[in-house]
Protein backbone atom coordinates (compact mmCIF):
# COMPACT_ATOMS: atom_id res chain seq x y z
CA UNK A 1 2.53 -5.03 13.36
CA UNK A 2 2.98 -8.49 11.95
CA UNK A 3 4.92 -8.65 8.69
CA UNK A 4 5.09 -12.42 8.45
CA UNK A 5 2.34 -14.88 9.20
CA UNK A 6 2.97 -18.12 11.04
CA UNK A 7 1.57 -20.19 8.17
CA UNK A 8 4.11 -21.55 5.73
CA UNK A 9 3.61 -22.09 2.02
CA UNK A 10 5.60 -24.78 0.22
CA UNK A 11 6.98 -23.93 -3.20
CA UNK A 12 7.41 -26.45 -5.99
CA UNK A 13 10.78 -27.62 -4.62
CA UNK A 14 9.15 -28.41 -1.27
CA UNK A 15 10.90 -25.57 0.55
CA UNK A 16 8.79 -23.57 2.95
CA UNK A 17 8.29 -19.90 2.12
CA UNK A 18 6.90 -17.34 4.57
CA UNK A 19 3.51 -15.82 3.91
CA UNK A 20 4.08 -12.07 3.80
CA UNK A 21 1.57 -9.42 4.86
CA UNK A 22 2.28 -7.18 1.85
CA UNK A 23 -0.37 -4.63 2.78
CA UNK A 24 1.27 -4.06 6.16
CA UNK A 25 4.75 -3.85 4.63
CA UNK A 26 3.62 -1.22 2.10
CA UNK A 27 1.81 0.73 4.82
CA UNK A 28 4.95 0.75 6.95
CA UNK A 29 7.14 1.84 4.01
CA UNK A 30 4.69 4.65 3.27
CA UNK A 31 4.78 5.83 6.88
CA UNK A 32 8.55 5.60 7.28
CA UNK A 33 9.28 7.25 3.94
CA UNK A 34 6.88 10.09 4.86
CA UNK A 35 5.32 9.91 1.41
CA UNK A 36 2.26 11.66 2.79
CA UNK A 37 4.42 14.80 2.91
CA UNK A 38 6.04 14.23 -0.51
CA UNK A 39 2.88 13.58 -2.52
CA UNK A 40 0.41 16.43 -3.03
CA UNK A 41 -2.96 14.68 -3.03
CA UNK A 42 -4.83 17.94 -3.62
CA UNK A 43 -3.85 18.08 -7.31
CA UNK A 44 -4.56 15.69 -10.17
CA UNK A 45 -1.93 12.99 -10.70
CA UNK A 46 -0.26 12.42 -14.08
CA UNK A 47 -2.00 10.89 -15.97
CA UNK A 48 -5.11 12.50 -14.46
CA UNK A 49 -8.01 10.60 -12.91
CA UNK A 50 -11.57 11.10 -13.99
CA UNK A 51 -13.19 13.93 -12.00
CA UNK A 52 -15.33 11.41 -10.10
CA UNK A 53 -12.34 9.27 -9.15
CA UNK A 54 -10.36 12.36 -8.14
CA UNK A 55 -13.17 13.53 -5.85
CA UNK A 56 -13.34 10.03 -4.35
CA UNK A 57 -9.59 10.09 -3.61
CA UNK A 58 -9.88 13.54 -2.03
CA UNK A 59 -12.76 12.34 0.16
CA UNK A 60 -10.61 9.44 1.38
CA UNK A 61 -7.76 11.79 2.24
CA UNK A 62 -10.11 14.05 4.26
CA UNK A 63 -11.50 11.22 6.39
């Protein structure tokens, strides 16, 4: 798992800022917080998705 990339980005002041792998950070937070046990993906969220979108989400969760 690599949370920070080796490339640096300079901000307007000229300081270097790390490039962050946000997708990996969010994935790790999801895993460590065990949100897959806290969120019931078998029921419609609030506000509800369209039926097509809901079926698509369910198919992703089954794969």
